[in-house]
Amino acid sequence: MVSRTLLILLVLALAACSASPSRESGPARPAPPVEKSKPVTTTARPAADLIQQGRLARVQGDYQRAQGLLQRAQRIDSQDAQVYLELSLLYSAQGQSAQAKTMAERGLLYCASSTCTALRKQL
């Protein structure tokens, strides 16, 4: 009799452990942490913001800042032809025609139609 009672209690205990808890009983579970989203940029190119800032600095005559921004963009995306176009234009503005030509030639390796045209003008 004792073993039968023990067996029934054991079966009930195991059944209680395997039963899924109801949603109404017990404390509420905390919600999983929500990942903070990164700011959305308007362009798909990773270095586009740096290129734009570099272009603006070049137009304003701040060549040192422009060069730093564009070289940083180049490190981020070394296959973005727009980086090489802007570097070529920067070197041209500084009177460094050999470097301007080198950047234009390198940019032609990665260019799309409109950027290719602009890079060819730098040669």
C-alpha atoms as a PDB file:
ATOM      1  CA  MET A   1       0.000   0.000   0.000  1.00  0.00           C
ATOM      2  CA  VAL A   2       2.799   2.383   0.858  1.00  0.00           C
ATOM      3  CA  SER A   3       4.587   1.670  -2.409  1.00  0.00           C
ATOM      4  CA  ARG A   4       1.373   2.254  -4.376  1.00  0.00           C
ATOM      5  CA  THR A   5       0.820   5.614  -2.633  1.00  0.00           C
ATOM      6  CA  LEU A   6       4.449   6.514  -3.214  1.00  0.00           C
ATOM      7  CA  LEU A   7       4.110   5.595  -6.880  1.00  0.00           C
ATOM      8  CA  ILE A   8       0.983   7.761  -7.270  1.00  0.00           C
ATOM      9  CA  LEU A   9       2.721  10.718  -5.605  1.00  0.00           C
ATOM     10  CA  LEU A  10       5.742  10.265  -7.841  1.00  0.00           C
ATOM     11  CA  VAL A  11       3.580  10.190 -10.976  1.00  0.00           C
ATOM     12  CA  LEU A  12       1.685  13.303  -9.840  1.00  0.00           C
ATOM     13  CA  ALA A  13       4.947  15.110  -9.092  1.00  0.00           C
ATOM     14  CA  LEU A  14       6.343  14.272 -12.508  1.00  0.00           C
ATOM     15  CA  ALA A  15       3.102  15.311 -14.189  1.00  0.00           C
ATOM     16  CA  ALA A  16       3.190  18.630 -12.358  1.00  0.00           C
ATOM     17  CA  CYS A  17       6.760  19.262 -13.489  1.00  0.00           C
ATOM     18  CA  SER A  18       6.033  18.551 -17.122  1.00  0.00           C
ATOM     19  CA  ALA A  19       2.800  20.525 -17.353  1.00  0.00           C
ATOM     20  CA  SER A  20       3.134  23.920 -18.974  1.00  0.00           C
ATOM     21  CA  PRO A  21       2.178  26.774 -16.672  1.00  0.00           C
ATOM     22  CA  SER A  22      -0.949  28.704 -17.480  1.00  0.00           C
ATOM     23  CA  ARG A  23      -0.598  32.318 -18.515  1.00  0.00           C
ATOM     24  CA  GLU A  24      -2.799  33.522 -15.700  1.00  0.00           C
ATOM     25  CA  SER A  25      -0.896  31.990 -12.799  1.00  0.00           C
ATOM     26  CA  GLY A  26       2.481  32.959 -11.452  1.00  0.00           C
ATOM     27  CA  PRO A  27       4.497  36.133 -11.811  1.00  0.00           C
ATOM     28  CA  ALA A  28       4.746  37.765 -15.203  1.00  0.00           C
ATOM     29  CA  ARG A  29       7.920  37.130 -17.129  1.00  0.00           C
ATOM     30  CA  PRO A  30       9.953  40.194 -18.000  1.00  0.00           C
ATOM     31  CA  ALA A  31      10.012  41.105 -21.658  1.00  0.00           C
ATOM     32  CA  PRO A  32      13.212  40.261 -23.503  1.00  0.00           C
ATOM     33  CA  PRO A  33      15.602  43.192 -23.865  1.00  0.00           C
ATOM     34  CA  VAL A  34      14.995  45.270 -26.940  1.00  0.00           C
ATOM     35  CA  GLU A  35      18.006  46.073 -29.100  1.00  0.00           C
ATOM     36  CA  LYS A  36      18.489  49.729 -29.771  1.00  0.00           C
ATOM     37  CA  SER A  37      18.492  50.324 -33.467  1.00  0.00           C
ATOM     38  CA  LYS A  38      21.317  52.115 -35.169  1.00  0.00           C
ATOM     39  CA  PRO A  39      20.551  55.447 -36.756  1.00  0.00           C
ATOM     40  CA  VAL A  40      19.275  55.017 -40.251  1.00  0.00           C
ATOM     41  CA  THR A  41      21.347  56.672 -42.930  1.00  0.00           C
ATOM     42  CA  THR A  42      19.904  57.771 -46.203  1.00  0.00           C
ATOM     43  CA  THR A  43      22.526  55.981 -48.278  1.00  0.00           C
ATOM     44  CA  ALA A  44      23.506  52.371 -48.656  1.00  0.00           C
ATOM     45  CA  ARG A  45      27.226  53.100 -48.949  1.00  0.00           C
ATOM     46  CA  PRO A  46      29.071  52.803 -45.619  1.00  0.00           C
ATOM     47  CA  ALA A  47      31.403  55.743 -46.194  1.00  0.00           C
ATOM     48  CA  ALA A  48      28.893  58.087 -47.869  1.00  0.00           C
ATOM     49  CA  ASP A  49      28.588  60.471 -44.927  1.00  0.00           C
ATOM     50  CA  LEU A  50      32.359  60.860 -44.664  1.00  0.00           C
ATOM     51  CA  ILE A  51      32.618  61.445 -48.406  1.00  0.00           C
ATOM     52  CA  GLN A  52      29.966  64.155 -48.212  1.00  0.00           C
ATOM     53  CA  GLN A  53      31.736  65.834 -45.293  1.00  0.00           C
ATOM     54  CA  GLY A  54      35.050  65.598 -47.141  1.00  0.00           C
ATOM     55  CA  ARG A  55      33.512  67.157 -50.246  1.00  0.00           C
ATOM     56  CA  LEU A  56      32.109  70.020 -48.176  1.00  0.00           C
ATOM     57  CA  ALA A  57      35.469  70.592 -46.465  1.00  0.00           C
ATOM     58  CA  ARG A  58      37.223  70.633 -49.874  1.00  0.00           C
ATOM     59  CA  VAL A  59      34.754  73.153 -51.297  1.00  0.00           C
ATOM     60  CA  GLN A  60      35.257  75.340 -48.229  1.00  0.00           C
ATOM     61  CA  GLY A  61      39.019  75.193 -48.734  1.00  0.00           C
ATOM     62  CA  ASP A  62      39.752  73.131 -45.609  1.00  0.00           C
ATOM     63  CA  TYR A  63      41.999  70.700 -47.456  1.00  0.00           C
ATOM     64  CA  GLN A  64      43.575  69.124 -44.390  1.00  0.00           C
ATOM     65  CA  ARG A  65      40.189  68.216 -42.896  1.00  0.00           C
ATOM     66  CA  ALA A  66      38.936  67.027 -46.291  1.00  0.00           C
ATOM     67  CA  GLN A  67      41.934  64.751 -46.695  1.00  0.00           C
ATOM     68  CA  GLY A  68      41.460  63.242 -43.234  1.00  0.00           C
ATOM     69  CA  LEU A  69      37.770  62.572 -43.827  1.00  0.00           C
ATOM     70  CA  LEU A  70      38.320  61.093 -47.272  1.00  0.00           C
ATOM     71  CA  GLN A  71      41.172  58.871 -46.139  1.00  0.00           C
ATOM     72  CA  ARG A  72      38.968  57.617 -43.316  1.00  0.00           C
ATOM     73  CA  ALA A  73      36.220  56.899 -45.861  1.00  0.00           C
ATOM     74  CA  GLN A  74      38.788  55.052 -47.967  1.00  0.00           C
ATOM     75  CA  ARG A  75      39.714  52.841 -44.985  1.00  0.00           C
ATOM     76  CA  ILE A  76      36.036  52.042 -44.398  1.00  0.00           C
ATOM     77  CA  ASP A  77      35.230  51.247 -48.019  1.00  0.00           C
ATOM     78  CA  SER A  78      38.308  50.948 -50.206  1.00  0.00           C
ATOM     79  CA  GLN A  79      36.208  49.921 -53.213  1.00  0.00           C
ATOM     80  CA  ASP A  80      33.998  53.018 -53.338  1.00  0.00           C
ATOM     81  CA  ALA A  81      34.910  54.907 -56.504  1.00  0.00           C
ATOM     82  CA  GLN A  82      33.391  58.102 -55.112  1.00  0.00           C
ATOM     83  CA  VAL A  83      36.155  58.210 -52.479  1.00  0.00           C
ATOM     84  CA  TYR A  84      38.797  58.179 -55.199  1.00  0.00           C
ATOM     85  CA  LEU A  85      36.966  60.828 -57.197  1.00  0.00           C
ATOM     86  CA  GLU A  86      36.857  63.143 -54.192  1.00  0.00           C
ATOM     87  CA  LEU A  87      40.507  62.476 -53.368  1.00  0.00           C
ATOM     88  CA  SER A  88      41.405  63.192 -56.983  1.00  0.00           C
ATOM     89  CA  LEU A  89      39.479  66.466 -56.899  1.00  0.00           C
ATOM     90  CA  LEU A  90      41.153  67.356 -53.596  1.00  0.00           C
ATOM     91  CA  TYR A  91      44.641  66.739 -54.970  1.00  0.00           C
ATOM     92  CA  SER A  92      43.771  68.756 -58.085  1.00  0.00           C
ATOM     93  CA  ALA A  93      42.616  71.658 -55.924  1.00  0.00           C
ATOM     94  CA  GLN A  94      45.961  71.530 -54.115  1.00  0.00           C
ATOM     95  CA  GLY A  95      47.896  71.499 -57.395  1.00  0.00           C
ATOM     96  CA  GLN A  96      49.113  67.911 -56.923  1.00  0.00           C
ATOM     97  CA  SER A  97      48.346  66.626 -60.407  1.00  0.00           C
ATOM     98  CA  ALA A  98      50.305  63.360 -60.129  1.00  0.00           C
ATOM     99  CA  GLN A  99      48.398  62.289 -57.010  1.00  0.00           C
ATOM    100  CA  ALA A 100      45.117  63.423 -58.591  1.00  0.00           C
ATOM    101  CA  LYS A 101      45.788  61.228 -61.619  1.00  0.00           C
ATOM    102  CA  THR A 102      46.753  58.247 -59.444  1.00  0.00           C
ATOM    103  CA  MET A 103      43.519  58.513 -57.446  1.00  0.00           C
ATOM    104  CA  ALA A 104      41.462  58.827 -60.629  1.00  0.00           C
ATOM    105  CA  GLU A 105      43.099  55.734 -62.132  1.00  0.00           C
ATOM    106  CA  ARG A 106      42.510  53.763 -58.963  1.00  0.00           C
ATOM    107  CA  GLY A 107      38.892  54.877 -58.795  1.00  0.00           C
ATOM    108  CA  LEU A 108      38.292  53.601 -62.318  1.00  0.00           C
ATOM    109  CA  LEU A 109      38.796  50.094 -60.960  1.00  0.00           C
ATOM    110  CA  TYR A 110      35.618  50.414 -58.863  1.00  0.00           C
ATOM    111  CA  CYS A 111      33.448  52.939 -60.678  1.00  0.00           C
ATOM    112  CA  ALA A 112      29.875  53.012 -61.927  1.00  0.00           C
ATOM    113  CA  SER A 113      28.721  54.973 -64.977  1.00  0.00           C
ATOM    114  CA  SER A 114      28.462  58.550 -63.656  1.00  0.00           C
ATOM    115  CA  THR A 115      31.470  58.245 -61.381  1.00  0.00           C
ATOM    116  CA  CYS A 116      33.520  56.733 -64.217  1.00  0.00           C
ATOM    117  CA  THR A 117      32.841  59.763 -66.396  1.00  0.00           C
ATOM    118  CA  ALA A 118      33.941  62.146 -63.645  1.00  0.00           C
ATOM    119  CA  LEU A 119      37.070  60.082 -62.930  1.00  0.00           C
ATOM    120  CA  ARG A 120      38.042  60.035 -66.610  1.00  0.00           C
ATOM    121  CA  LYS A 121      37.864  63.844 -66.640  1.00  0.00           C
ATOM    122  CA  GLN A 122      40.504  63.852 -63.903  1.00  0.00           C
ATOM    123  CA  LEU A 123      42.945  62.011 -66.149  1.00  0.00           C
END
